[in-house]
Protein backbone atom coordinates (compact mmCIF):
# COMPACT_ATOMS: atom_id res chain seq x y z
CA MET A 1 -0.02 0.02 0.18
CA THR A 2 1.27 3.34 -1.01
CA SER A 3 0.95 6.59 0.92
CA ILE A 4 0.53 9.32 -1.52
CA SER A 5 1.30 13.08 -1.39
CA SER A 6 -0.25 15.97 -3.20
CA LEU A 7 1.34 17.75 -6.28
CA THR A 8 -0.91 20.80 -6.03
CA THR A 9 -3.56 22.18 -3.72
CA LEU A 10 -5.79 25.04 -3.54
CA THR A 11 -8.85 26.30 -1.49
CA THR A 12 -12.22 27.07 -2.79
CA ALA A 13 -14.44 30.07 -1.91
CA LEU A 14 -17.15 27.59 -0.58
CA PRO A 15 -17.04 24.24 0.68
CA PRO A 16 -16.73 21.54 -2.11
CA SER A 17 -19.27 18.69 -1.94
CA CYS A 18 -18.75 16.79 -5.44
CA ILE A 19 -16.39 16.79 -8.51
CA SER A 20 -16.36 15.35 -12.05
CA PHE A 21 -13.84 15.51 -14.60
CA TRP A 22 -15.21 16.61 -18.10
CA PRO A 23 -15.43 13.50 -20.16
CA LEU A 24 -14.70 15.43 -23.63
CA ASP A 25 -11.50 16.85 -22.24
CA LYS A 26 -10.08 15.55 -18.74
CA SER A 27 -7.99 18.67 -18.50
CA TYR A 28 -11.06 20.33 -17.19
CA PHE A 29 -13.06 19.41 -13.98
CA VAL A 30 -16.12 20.73 -12.36
CA VAL A 31 -16.59 20.99 -8.50
CA GLY A 32 -19.96 21.67 -6.88
CA THR A 33 -20.07 23.59 -3.68
CA TYR A 34 -22.46 23.69 -0.63
CA LEU A 35 -22.71 26.25 2.07
CA LEU A 36 -25.38 26.25 4.93
CA GLU A 37 -25.82 29.75 5.88
CA SER A 38 -25.77 30.47 9.50
CA ASN A 39 -28.56 31.91 11.14
CA GLU A 40 -27.60 35.18 13.00
CA ASP A 41 -30.86 35.77 14.61
CA ALA A 42 -30.69 32.42 16.21
CA ALA A 43 -27.28 33.01 17.47
CA THR A 44 -27.85 36.36 19.07
CA THR A 45 -31.18 35.53 20.84
CA ASP A 46 -32.46 33.28 23.29
CA SER A 47 -35.76 32.83 21.55
CA PRO A 48 -36.38 29.87 18.91
CA THR A 49 -36.67 30.66 15.56
CA THR A 50 -38.71 29.01 12.66
CA ALA A 51 -36.95 30.53 9.69
CA PRO A 52 -35.62 27.96 7.61
CA GLN A 53 -31.94 27.53 7.04
CA SER A 54 -30.69 28.94 3.63
CA ARG A 55 -28.21 26.99 1.45
CA ARG A 56 -26.17 28.37 -1.58
CA GLY A 57 -23.50 27.13 -3.65
CA SER A 58 -21.70 27.34 -6.96
CA LEU A 59 -20.23 25.30 -9.90
CA ASP A 60 -16.46 26.12 -10.24
CA LEU A 61 -14.85 25.09 -13.55
CA PHE A 62 -11.10 24.25 -13.23
CA TYR A 63 -8.11 23.58 -15.75
CA LEU A 64 -5.56 21.12 -14.71
CA SER A 65 -2.51 21.72 -17.01
CA ALA A 66 0.36 19.43 -17.97
CA ASP A 67 2.75 21.10 -15.56
CA ASN A 68 0.32 20.21 -12.77
CA THR A 69 -1.01 23.73 -12.26
CA ILE A 70 -4.64 24.14 -11.43
CA THR A 71 -6.57 27.36 -12.63
CA LEU A 72 -10.06 28.42 -11.79
CA ILE A 73 -11.73 29.30 -15.19
CA GLN A 74 -15.38 30.03 -14.30
CA THR A 75 -17.61 30.29 -11.22
CA LEU A 76 -21.30 30.01 -11.57
CA SER A 77 -22.98 31.17 -8.24
CA THR A 78 -26.37 29.51 -7.40
CA ASN A 79 -28.85 30.38 -4.87
CA TYR A 80 -29.16 26.65 -3.93
CA ALA A 81 -26.27 24.38 -2.64
CA ILE A 82 -24.97 21.47 -5.03
CA PHE A 83 -25.15 18.09 -3.49
CA ASP A 84 -24.19 15.83 -6.22
CA LEU A 85 -23.36 16.25 -9.92
CA ALA A 86 -22.68 14.03 -13.00
CA PHE A 87 -22.12 14.27 -16.69
CA ARG A 88 -24.60 12.47 -18.96
CA PRO A 89 -23.11 9.33 -20.54
CA THR A 90 -25.14 10.00 -23.86
CA ASP A 91 -24.27 13.59 -24.05
CA PRO A 92 -20.98 14.37 -22.06
CA SER A 93 -21.27 18.12 -22.61
CA SER A 94 -24.49 18.01 -20.45
CA LEU A 95 -23.98 18.37 -16.50
CA GLY A 96 -26.81 17.22 -14.20
CA THR A 97 -26.73 18.66 -10.51
CA ALA A 98 -28.77 17.60 -7.57
CA THR A 99 -29.64 20.63 -5.43
CA SER A 100 -30.70 21.66 -1.73
CA THR A 101 -34.02 23.25 -3.17
CA GLY A 102 -35.11 19.89 -4.80
CA LEU A 103 -34.15 21.28 -8.40
CA LEU A 104 -32.70 18.90 -10.93
CA THR A 105 -30.61 21.33 -12.93
CA PHE A 106 -28.88 20.85 -16.36
CA PHE A 107 -25.86 22.92 -17.49
CA THR A 108 -24.08 22.70 -20.79
CA LEU A 109 -20.20 22.92 -20.88
CA SER A 110 -19.45 24.19 -24.30
CA ALA A 111 -16.34 24.20 -26.38
CA SER A 112 -15.05 27.95 -26.48
CA SER A 113 -11.61 29.56 -26.88
CA PRO A 114 -9.33 29.80 -24.71
CA HIS A 115 -11.44 27.52 -22.56
CA PRO A 116 -15.00 25.98 -22.42
CA VAL A 117 -17.91 27.73 -20.74
CA LEU A 118 -20.58 26.47 -18.42
CA SER A 119 -24.28 27.63 -18.88
CA LEU A 120 -27.42 26.80 -17.45
CA THR A 121 -30.03 24.96 -19.68
CA LEU A 122 -32.70 23.47 -17.62
CA GLU A 123 -34.30 23.42 -14.39
CA ILE A 124 -36.76 20.86 -13.10
CA GLN A 125 -38.48 21.13 -9.77
CA VAL A 126 -38.63 17.65 -8.59
CA THR A 127 -39.46 17.91 -4.85
CA ASP A 128 -39.51 20.18 -1.79
CA ALA A 129 -37.06 17.88 -0.17
CA LEU A 130 -33.25 18.09 -0.77
CA LEU A 131 -31.97 16.12 -3.76
CA THR A 132 -29.15 13.94 -2.30
CA SER A 133 -27.88 12.19 -5.48
CA LEU A 134 -28.31 11.59 -9.20
CA ALA A 135 -27.33 8.85 -11.60
CA PHE A 136 -27.65 8.08 -15.09
CA PRO A 137 -27.96 4.76 -16.87
CA PRO A 138 -25.00 3.52 -19.09
CA ALA A 139 -25.06 5.06 -22.36
CA SER A 140 -25.78 1.64 -24.25
CA SER A 141 -28.73 0.84 -22.16
CA PRO A 142 -32.50 1.15 -23.24
CA GLU A 143 -32.84 3.54 -20.12
CA ALA A 144 -30.46 5.91 -21.24
CA GLU A 145 -32.11 5.98 -24.80
CA ALA A 146 -35.25 6.82 -22.96
CA GLY A 147 -33.62 9.73 -21.19
CA LEU A 148 -34.08 8.53 -17.63
CA VAL A 149 -32.18 9.90 -14.49
CA LEU A 150 -32.43 8.40 -11.03
CA LEU A 151 -32.73 10.66 -8.12
CA THR A 152 -32.84 10.37 -4.20
CA ASP A 153 -33.92 12.91 -1.65
CA SER A 154 -33.71 13.69 2.05
CA ALA A 155 -37.45 12.47 2.65
CA GLY A 156 -36.33 9.08 1.57
CA GLY A 157 -37.64 9.03 -1.91
CA VAL A 158 -35.92 7.02 -4.69
CA SER A 159 -37.50 8.32 -8.08
CA VAL A 160 -37.01 7.81 -11.72
CA LEU A 161 -37.64 10.81 -13.98
CA SER A 162 -38.16 10.58 -17.71
CA LEU A 163 -36.90 13.75 -19.41
CA ALA A 164 -39.02 13.40 -22.59
CA PRO A 165 -41.79 13.28 -21.95
CA ARG A 166 -41.39 14.47 -18.49
CA VAL A 167 -42.69 11.78 -16.07
CA GLU A 168 -41.52 11.05 -12.55
CA VAL A 169 -42.19 7.62 -10.96
CA GLU A 170 -41.22 6.79 -7.33
CA ALA A 171 -39.52 3.47 -7.16
CA CYS A 172 -39.44 2.98 -3.21
CA LYS A 173 -39.18 4.96 0.01
CA HIS A 174 -36.43 4.79 2.57
CA ASP A 175 -37.33 5.54 6.40
CA CYS A 176 -34.78 8.37 6.40
CA GLU A 177 -32.65 10.09 3.83
CA ALA A 178 -31.97 8.26 0.80
CA TRP A 179 -28.34 9.01 0.06
CA CYS A 180 -27.59 6.95 -3.19
CA ALA A 181 -29.09 4.77 -5.99
CA ALA A 182 -27.84 2.99 -9.05
CA PHE A 183 -29.29 1.32 -12.20
CA LEU A 184 -28.72 -2.22 -12.43
CA GLU A 185 -28.54 -4.47 -15.67
CA LEU A 186 -30.36 -7.32 -13.92
CA ASP A 187 -34.27 -7.07 -14.65
CA LYS A 188 -33.81 -3.42 -15.19
CA GLY A 189 -33.64 -3.06 -11.39
CA ILE A 190 -32.83 -0.19 -9.05
CA LEU A 191 -30.57 -0.40 -5.99
CA SER A 192 -30.77 2.26 -3.28
CA GLY A 193 -29.39 3.05 0.07
CA GLY A 194 -30.24 5.29 2.84
CA ASP A 195 -29.64 6.52 6.28
CA ASP A 196 -31.82 3.80 7.63
CA ALA A 197 -29.09 1.45 6.82
CA VAL A 198 -31.29 -0.54 4.38
CA LEU A 199 -30.27 -1.68 0.80
CA ARG A 200 -33.48 -1.76 -1.11
CA TYR A 201 -33.89 -3.29 -4.66
CA SER A 202 -36.81 -2.09 -6.66
CA SER A 203 -38.09 -1.41 -10.21
CA VAL A 204 -40.43 1.10 -11.78
CA GLU A 205 -42.90 -1.56 -12.62
CA TYR A 206 -42.99 -3.42 -9.44
CA GLY A 207 -41.78 -1.02 -6.78
CA GLN A 208 -39.84 -2.50 -4.02
CA VAL A 209 -38.74 -6.19 -4.51
CA TRP A 210 -36.72 -6.76 -1.40
CA ALA A 211 -34.89 -5.05 1.34
CA ASN A 212 -31.62 -6.01 3.20
CA ARG A 213 -31.66 -4.57 6.67
CA ARG A 214 -28.51 -6.69 8.01
CA ALA A 215 -25.63 -6.11 5.62
CA HIS A 216 -24.79 -2.64 6.80
CA GLY A 217 -24.16 -1.42 10.19
CA ALA A 218 -25.04 2.35 9.31
CA GLY A 219 -26.34 4.44 6.54
CA VAL A 220 -25.73 3.22 3.02
CA THR A 221 -24.02 6.03 1.25
CA ALA A 222 -22.57 4.57 -2.04
CA ILE A 223 -23.35 1.82 -4.58
CA LEU A 224 -21.12 0.99 -7.61
CA PRO A 225 -22.21 -1.83 -9.78
CA LEU A 226 -19.30 -4.06 -10.92
CA GLU A 227 -20.99 -6.74 -13.07
CA GLU A 228 -24.27 -8.28 -13.52
CA GLY A 229 -25.50 -9.35 -9.83
CA VAL A 230 -22.63 -7.87 -8.03
CA VAL A 231 -22.15 -4.21 -6.64
CA LEU A 232 -19.82 -2.46 -4.13
CA SER A 233 -21.41 -0.33 -1.28
CA GLY A 234 -20.20 2.19 0.95
CA SER A 235 -21.51 3.13 4.49
CA TYR A 236 -21.02 5.27 7.36
CA ASP A 237 -19.77 2.27 9.12
CA GLU A 238 -16.53 2.81 7.13
CA GLN A 239 -16.77 -0.72 5.41
CA LEU A 240 -16.47 -1.25 1.77
CA ARG A 241 -18.52 -4.27 0.77
CA VAL A 242 -19.00 -6.60 -2.30
CA LEU A 243 -22.63 -7.61 -2.45
CA ASP A 244 -24.52 -10.19 -4.24
CA VAL A 245 -27.70 -8.71 -5.29
CA SER A 246 -28.99 -11.23 -7.52
CA PRO A 247 -32.71 -12.80 -7.01
CA MET A 248 -31.09 -15.46 -4.82
CA GLY A 249 -28.36 -13.15 -2.91
CA ARG A 250 -30.45 -10.32 -1.95
CA GLY A 251 -27.68 -8.28 -0.65
CA ARG A 252 -25.50 -10.98 0.78
CA VAL A 253 -21.95 -9.79 1.71
CA LEU A 254 -19.21 -11.54 -0.45
CA GLY A 255 -16.34 -9.62 1.07
CA GLU A 256 -15.46 -6.36 2.92
CA LEU A 257 -12.77 -4.27 4.21
CA GLY A 258 -12.71 -1.28 6.57
CA LEU A 259 -11.19 1.91 4.82
CA GLY A 260 -10.85 4.16 7.92
CA GLY A 261 -13.71 6.54 7.08
CA GLY A 262 -17.29 6.63 6.01
CA VAL A 263 -17.24 5.48 2.42
CA TRP A 264 -19.10 8.25 0.71
CA ARG A 265 -18.35 7.94 -3.10
CA LEU A 266 -17.04 5.21 -5.35
CA LYS A 267 -15.89 5.56 -8.71
CA LEU A 268 -14.60 2.78 -11.30
CA MET A 269 -11.20 3.60 -12.42
CA ARG A 270 -10.23 0.37 -14.23
CA VAL A 271 -11.51 -3.14 -15.21
CA GLU A 272 -9.02 -5.95 -15.15
CA GLU A 273 -9.21 -9.51 -16.13
CA ASP A 274 -10.36 -10.59 -12.79
CA ALA A 275 -10.48 -7.43 -10.82
CA TRP A 276 -11.68 -3.91 -10.53
CA VAL A 277 -9.84 -0.81 -9.28
CA VAL A 278 -11.81 1.78 -7.52
CA LEU A 279 -11.51 5.24 -6.22
CA ALA A 280 -13.25 5.99 -2.82
CA ALA A 281 -13.83 9.05 -0.97
CA VAL A 282 -13.79 8.11 2.67
CA MET A 283 -14.89 11.28 4.53
CA HIS A 284 -12.52 11.77 7.59
CA GLY A 285 -10.09 9.29 6.25
CA GLY A 286 -9.23 10.98 3.04
CA ALA A 287 -9.31 8.96 -0.32
CA ARG A 288 -8.22 5.43 -1.15
CA VAL A 289 -7.47 3.40 -4.42
CA VAL A 290 -8.62 -0.08 -3.92
CA ARG A 291 -8.50 -3.34 -6.01
CA VAL A 292 -11.43 -5.74 -5.72
CA GLN A 293 -10.60 -9.42 -6.89
CA ARG A 294 -13.09 -11.74 -8.13
CA GLU A 295 -11.35 -14.65 -6.56
CA GLY A 296 -12.65 -14.78 -2.97
CA TRP A 297 -13.83 -11.15 -3.28
CA ALA A 298 -10.94 -9.87 -1.56
CA ILE A 299 -10.37 -6.20 -1.40
CA GLU A 300 -6.81 -4.69 -1.25
CA VAL A 301 -5.79 -1.02 -0.67
CA LEU A 302 -3.21 0.12 -3.38
CA GLY A 303 -2.97 3.81 -2.29
CA ARG A 304 -3.99 6.24 0.37
CA PHE A 305 -4.22 9.96 0.16
CA GLU A 306 -4.51 11.47 3.69
CA GLU A 307 -3.74 15.26 3.47
CA HIS A 308 -7.46 16.40 3.83
CA GLN A 309 -8.14 17.98 7.28
CA SER A 310 -11.93 17.49 7.17
CA MET A 311 -14.52 15.42 5.18
CA CYS A 312 -13.56 14.17 1.79
CA TYR A 313 -16.85 14.09 0.05
CA GLY A 314 -15.52 14.09 -3.69
CA ALA A 315 -12.80 12.51 -5.79
CA ASP A 316 -12.46 11.78 -9.50
CA TRP A 317 -9.62 10.61 -11.76
CA ALA A 318 -8.37 10.83 -15.35
CA GLU A 319 -5.70 8.77 -17.39
CA SER A 320 -2.50 10.59 -18.55
CA GLN A 321 0.78 9.60 -19.78
CA GLY A 322 2.54 9.94 -16.29
CA GLY A 323 -0.01 7.82 -14.38
CA ILE A 324 -3.68 8.41 -13.23
CA ARG A 325 -4.39 12.01 -12.27
CA ILE A 326 -6.62 12.35 -9.23
CA VAL A 327 -8.31 15.35 -7.67
CA SER A 328 -9.93 14.93 -4.27
CA THR A 329 -11.69 17.59 -2.14
CA SER A 330 -12.64 18.15 1.56
CA PHE A 331 -15.48 20.25 3.04
CA TYR A 332 -14.70 22.34 6.06
CA ASP A 333 -11.16 23.21 5.13
CA ARG A 334 -12.28 23.81 1.35
CA LEU A 335 -9.45 21.94 0.05
CA VAL A 336 -8.86 20.74 -3.47
CA CYS A 337 -5.89 18.46 -3.95
CA PHE A 338 -4.08 16.98 -7.00
CA TRP A 339 -2.13 13.76 -6.68
CA ARG A 340 -1.19 10.89 -9.07
CA MET A 341 -1.46 7.16 -8.82
CA GLU A 342 1.15 4.97 -10.41
CA MET A 343 -0.49 1.57 -11.79
């Protein structure tokens, strides 16, 4: 296992909550930010207040040069906070965001000179709750052709939204905040996790099919499909798990490893002959690069990055000639770190 040091760091104006490299040119990445405004009246008086807390954020576009310099290119300020973001596989210039006001928003990252430009293209009011995540189906799937997006919210809802025609269907409901969801190839199913520590398998057609309440010791925060019937899950209990989510498996744990922090986000880096390499944002533990072996479902930590001084909620990667470039972010210290992983 390798302990890795940063090559470049910077601080953002607002706390960073999520990140994604631009699929069309991985010299650029977008960071979503999330600020919960303090209520000054509540802090200076003894009387309770019923005023709602306000949140705001931004989308920050950065350029990562060949000499490892990070430059802020553009900031789009928003009157809502950004909880999650993802580029659409069928249209990599389109960026979707899950927001604190229940808006699903789409931005276009357009080629321009000398740098691309972000612009707002669509806003859809999905719920009054906070949208906590969004996920798109693989580009080659029928769900992608149908223009579907999978959403979770702070009221526990897991819903599938069709963009054209605009139709929303609730697939299932968690008892607390729903944190993550993913489309599965198996039977066109949907797998979701929430603060109730429950893994739920559902479909648009049949609703919830099964629920596993035993696999996780705390809230389920991340889901990454590996192959048909097998996924990785992350949890506040700091465990990375390999799960059998086939009709017979129903969330059975095949393998697990503690990563030293709540496993908030998972991104697939590489598919090998009998293994998968995955990047994990592990909250107070920093970031990890892990390999999951099919044989025995063993999990090995290949690299660890631990310079973050607060919760690491975001990390993404890009291939380069000098190894894999990785950018990770942490929340309260507003830190963006660039580092490399040799593989």
